[in-house]
Each structure stands twice: as structure tokens, then as C-alpha cells.
C-alpha atoms as a PDB file:
ATOM      1  CA  MET A   1       1.426  22.120  -6.573  1.00  0.00           C
ATOM      2  CA  ALA A   2      -0.054  19.095  -4.827  1.00  0.00           C
ATOM      3  CA  ASP A   3       1.604  17.851  -1.667  1.00  0.00           C
ATOM      4  CA  ILE A   4       3.170  14.442  -2.386  1.00  0.00           C
ATOM      5  CA  LYS A   5       2.692  13.147   1.168  1.00  0.00           C
ATOM      6  CA  LYS A   6      -0.608  14.564   2.427  1.00  0.00           C
ATOM      7  CA  PRO A   7      -2.435  12.892   5.335  1.00  0.00           C
ATOM      8  CA  ILE A   8      -5.737  11.203   4.410  1.00  0.00           C
ATOM      9  CA  LEU A   9      -8.378   9.030   6.039  1.00  0.00           C
ATOM     10  CA  VAL A  10      -9.380   5.712   4.501  1.00  0.00           C
ATOM     11  CA  LEU A  11     -12.647   4.084   5.539  1.00  0.00           C
ATOM     12  CA  SER A  12     -13.365   0.378   5.233  1.00  0.00           C
ATOM     13  CA  THR A  13     -16.081  -1.817   6.727  1.00  0.00           C
ATOM     14  CA  PHE A  14     -15.442  -5.369   7.909  1.00  0.00           C
ATOM     15  CA  PRO A  15     -17.715  -8.113   9.198  1.00  0.00           C
ATOM     16  CA  GLU A  16     -17.817  -8.521  12.964  1.00  0.00           C
ATOM     17  CA  GLY A  17     -15.017 -10.725  14.206  1.00  0.00           C
ATOM     18  CA  VAL A  18     -11.253 -10.831  14.110  1.00  0.00           C
ATOM     19  CA  SER A  19     -10.597  -9.760  10.504  1.00  0.00           C
ATOM     20  CA  ALA A  20     -10.861  -6.025  11.321  1.00  0.00           C
ATOM     21  CA  LYS A  21      -8.359  -6.197  14.204  1.00  0.00           C
ATOM     22  CA  ASP A  22      -5.978  -8.425  12.267  1.00  0.00           C
ATOM     23  CA  THR A  23      -6.110  -6.082   9.271  1.00  0.00           C
ATOM     24  CA  ALA A  24      -5.605  -2.991  11.444  1.00  0.00           C
ATOM     25  CA  GLU A  25      -2.558  -4.518  13.133  1.00  0.00           C
ATOM     26  CA  CYS A  26      -1.129  -5.592   9.783  1.00  0.00           C
ATOM     27  CA  LEU A  27      -1.512  -2.110   8.251  1.00  0.00           C
ATOM     28  CA  VAL A  28       0.195  -0.440  11.224  1.00  0.00           C
ATOM     29  CA  ASN A  29       2.943  -3.088  11.427  1.00  0.00           C
ATOM     30  CA  GLU A  30       3.694  -2.644   7.715  1.00  0.00           C
ATOM     31  CA  LYS A  31       3.742   1.164   8.155  1.00  0.00           C
ATOM     32  CA  LEU A  32       0.934   1.612   5.629  1.00  0.00           C
ATOM     33  CA  ALA A  33      -1.077   3.312   8.395  1.00  0.00           C
ATOM     34  CA  ALA A  34      -0.091   5.457  11.359  1.00  0.00           C
ATOM     35  CA  CYS A  35      -3.234   4.523  13.285  1.00  0.00           C
ATOM     36  CA  VAL A  36      -6.424   2.553  12.731  1.00  0.00           C
ATOM     37  CA  ASN A  37      -9.572   3.069  14.775  1.00  0.00           C
ATOM     38  CA  ILE A  38     -12.078   0.213  14.860  1.00  0.00           C
ATOM     39  CA  ILE A  39     -15.648   1.250  15.516  1.00  0.00           C
ATOM     40  CA  PRO A  40     -17.792  -1.803  16.301  1.00  0.00           C
ATOM     41  CA  GLY A  41     -21.531  -2.194  16.046  1.00  0.00           C
ATOM     42  CA  VAL A  42     -22.152  -0.467  12.725  1.00  0.00           C
ATOM     43  CA  GLN A  43     -25.441  -1.539  11.152  1.00  0.00           C
ATOM     44  CA  SER A  44     -25.080  -1.409   7.363  1.00  0.00           C
ATOM     45  CA  ILE A  45     -28.040  -1.556   4.985  1.00  0.00           C
ATOM     46  CA  PHE A  46     -27.058  -1.919   1.343  1.00  0.00           C
ATOM     47  CA  ARG A  47     -28.008  -3.198  -2.083  1.00  0.00           C
ATOM     48  CA  TRP A  48     -26.002  -6.248  -3.166  1.00  0.00           C
ATOM     49  CA  GLN A  49     -26.732  -8.445  -6.187  1.00  0.00           C
ATOM     50  CA  ASP A  50     -30.042  -6.653  -6.744  1.00  0.00           C
ATOM     51  CA  LYS A  51     -31.322  -7.303  -3.207  1.00  0.00           C
ATOM     52  CA  ILE A  52     -31.534  -5.131  -0.114  1.00  0.00           C
ATOM     53  CA  ASP A  53     -29.370  -6.670   2.606  1.00  0.00           C
ATOM     54  CA  ASN A  54     -28.010  -5.696   6.011  1.00  0.00           C
ATOM     55  CA  SER A  55     -25.106  -6.659   8.165  1.00  0.00           C
ATOM     56  CA  ASN A  56     -23.469  -5.869  11.486  1.00  0.00           C
ATOM     57  CA  GLU A  57     -20.014  -4.553  10.741  1.00  0.00           C
ATOM     58  CA  ASN A  58     -16.991  -2.774  12.143  1.00  0.00           C
ATOM     59  CA  ILE A  59     -15.721   0.337  10.424  1.00  0.00           C
ATOM     60  CA  LEU A  60     -12.013   1.024  10.201  1.00  0.00           C
ATOM     61  CA  ILE A  61     -10.816   4.638  10.144  1.00  0.00           C
ATOM     62  CA  ILE A  62      -7.294   4.453   8.770  1.00  0.00           C
ATOM     63  CA  LYS A  63      -4.855   7.371   9.022  1.00  0.00           C
ATOM     64  CA  THR A  64      -2.264   7.325   6.244  1.00  0.00           C
ATOM     65  CA  THR A  65      -0.898   9.488   3.433  1.00  0.00           C
ATOM     66  CA  ASN A  66      -2.065   9.916  -0.148  1.00  0.00           C
ATOM     67  CA  ASN A  67       1.178   8.552  -1.613  1.00  0.00           C
ATOM     68  CA  LEU A  68       0.486   5.204   0.121  1.00  0.00           C
ATOM     69  CA  TYR A  69      -3.145   4.907  -0.950  1.00  0.00           C
ATOM     70  CA  SER A  70      -2.575   2.412  -3.793  1.00  0.00           C
ATOM     71  CA  LYS A  71      -0.421   0.124  -1.633  1.00  0.00           C
ATOM     72  CA  LEU A  72      -2.917   0.375   1.216  1.00  0.00           C
ATOM     73  CA  GLU A  73      -5.854  -0.370  -1.084  1.00  0.00           C
ATOM     74  CA  ASN A  74      -4.113  -3.433  -2.506  1.00  0.00           C
ATOM     75  CA  ARG A  75      -3.197  -4.694   0.963  1.00  0.00           C
ATOM     76  CA  ILE A  76      -6.759  -4.275   2.243  1.00  0.00           C
ATOM     77  CA  LYS A  77      -8.085  -6.173  -0.798  1.00  0.00           C
ATOM     78  CA  GLU A  78      -5.624  -9.020  -0.057  1.00  0.00           C
ATOM     79  CA  LEU A  79      -6.730  -9.237   3.578  1.00  0.00           C
ATOM     80  CA  HIS A  80     -10.445  -8.472   3.241  1.00  0.00           C
ATOM     81  CA  PRO A  81     -13.033 -11.271   3.345  1.00  0.00           C
ATOM     82  CA  TYR A  82     -15.577  -9.452   1.114  1.00  0.00           C
ATOM     83  CA  GLU A  83     -15.791  -9.909  -2.631  1.00  0.00           C
ATOM     84  CA  LEU A  84     -16.173  -6.127  -2.997  1.00  0.00           C
ATOM     85  CA  PRO A  85     -14.764  -4.322   0.048  1.00  0.00           C
ATOM     86  CA  GLU A  86     -15.572  -0.728   0.884  1.00  0.00           C
ATOM     87  CA  ILE A  87     -12.351   1.271   0.565  1.00  0.00           C
ATOM     88  CA  ILE A  88     -12.906   5.035   0.455  1.00  0.00           C
ATOM     89  CA  SER A  89     -10.320   7.788   0.758  1.00  0.00           C
ATOM     90  CA  VAL A  90     -11.219  11.118   2.363  1.00  0.00           C
ATOM     91  CA  SER A  91      -8.979  14.186   2.211  1.00  0.00           C
ATOM     92  CA  ILE A  92      -7.981  15.887   5.446  1.00  0.00           C
ATOM     93  CA  GLU A  93      -8.351  19.612   4.867  1.00  0.00           C
ATOM     94  CA  ASN A  94      -7.258  20.765   8.322  1.00  0.00           C
ATOM     95  CA  GLY A  95      -6.008  19.272  11.549  1.00  0.00           C
ATOM     96  CA  LEU A  96      -3.654  19.774  14.443  1.00  0.00           C
ATOM     97  CA  PRO A  97      -0.316  20.297  12.639  1.00  0.00           C
ATOM     98  CA  GLU A  98       1.603  18.172  15.158  1.00  0.00           C
ATOM     99  CA  TYR A  99      -0.846  15.280  14.671  1.00  0.00           C
ATOM    100  CA  LEU A 100      -0.706  15.498  10.885  1.00  0.00           C
ATOM    101  CA  ASN A 101       3.098  15.577  11.102  1.00  0.00           C
ATOM    102  CA  TRP A 102       2.988  12.455  13.314  1.00  0.00           C
ATOM    103  CA  ILE A 103       0.953  10.653  10.619  1.00  0.00           C
ATOM    104  CA  ASN A 104       3.584  11.550   8.015  1.00  0.00           C
ATOM    105  CA  LYS A 105       6.433  10.345  10.264  1.00  0.00           C
ATOM    106  CA  SER A 106       4.672   7.094  11.201  1.00  0.00           C
ATOM    107  CA  VAL A 107       4.266   5.666   7.693  1.00  0.00           C
ATOM    108  CA  VAL A 108       6.823   4.636   5.067  1.00  0.00           C
END
């Protein structure tokens, strides 16, 4: 039987600037995330509207639980400046049990 409240990571890239920090703070304040790491200086190369493009971005590593994914996804889409934001969920297979328990206790 699947665990209803299993810790996951959600990845999302943001343009350089304040939107990443503002979004991270919002997600933690609303208890949709236990923690958000912002990694600056990511160089992204991608295909968009049939052209190769590139951009300097920040990547957010969001710690949350699978039962909150839909709410988190919707909230990121509301706050995100991109027309099509990257929002990817990654399962956590193993981790320090006390840390994973902290994630569960830190979100709604």
C-alpha cells in the first residue's frame, strides 16, 4: 500500500532575480514545503518555440510530501513568471529517518 504522506523533492527553475526567493518563502510560509534550497547560477540550454535558447536561472529544490504535490504545483504556477514553468517531482527512496520525519511534520 502506498504511503499517503511520503517525502518528495520538487525541482523548479526560475529566472535570476527575486521571484525564486519570494516563491520559496511563500511555499514555506504556507506550509506547502518544509524547506526550499535556491541554487543560483544555473545555465539552462533548451528548445522553446522551435528555437534553441539559453538562460541564467536559479533552481529550487523543494522538500515536501506527495499528498501536497497538486497544491504545490498550482501555487508555483500562480507565482511563476514563465509561461511553462519546470515543475518536476522526484521520489525520495531513502534518507535519514529523522530528516524525512521533519519534512512530514513541517508541512500541512
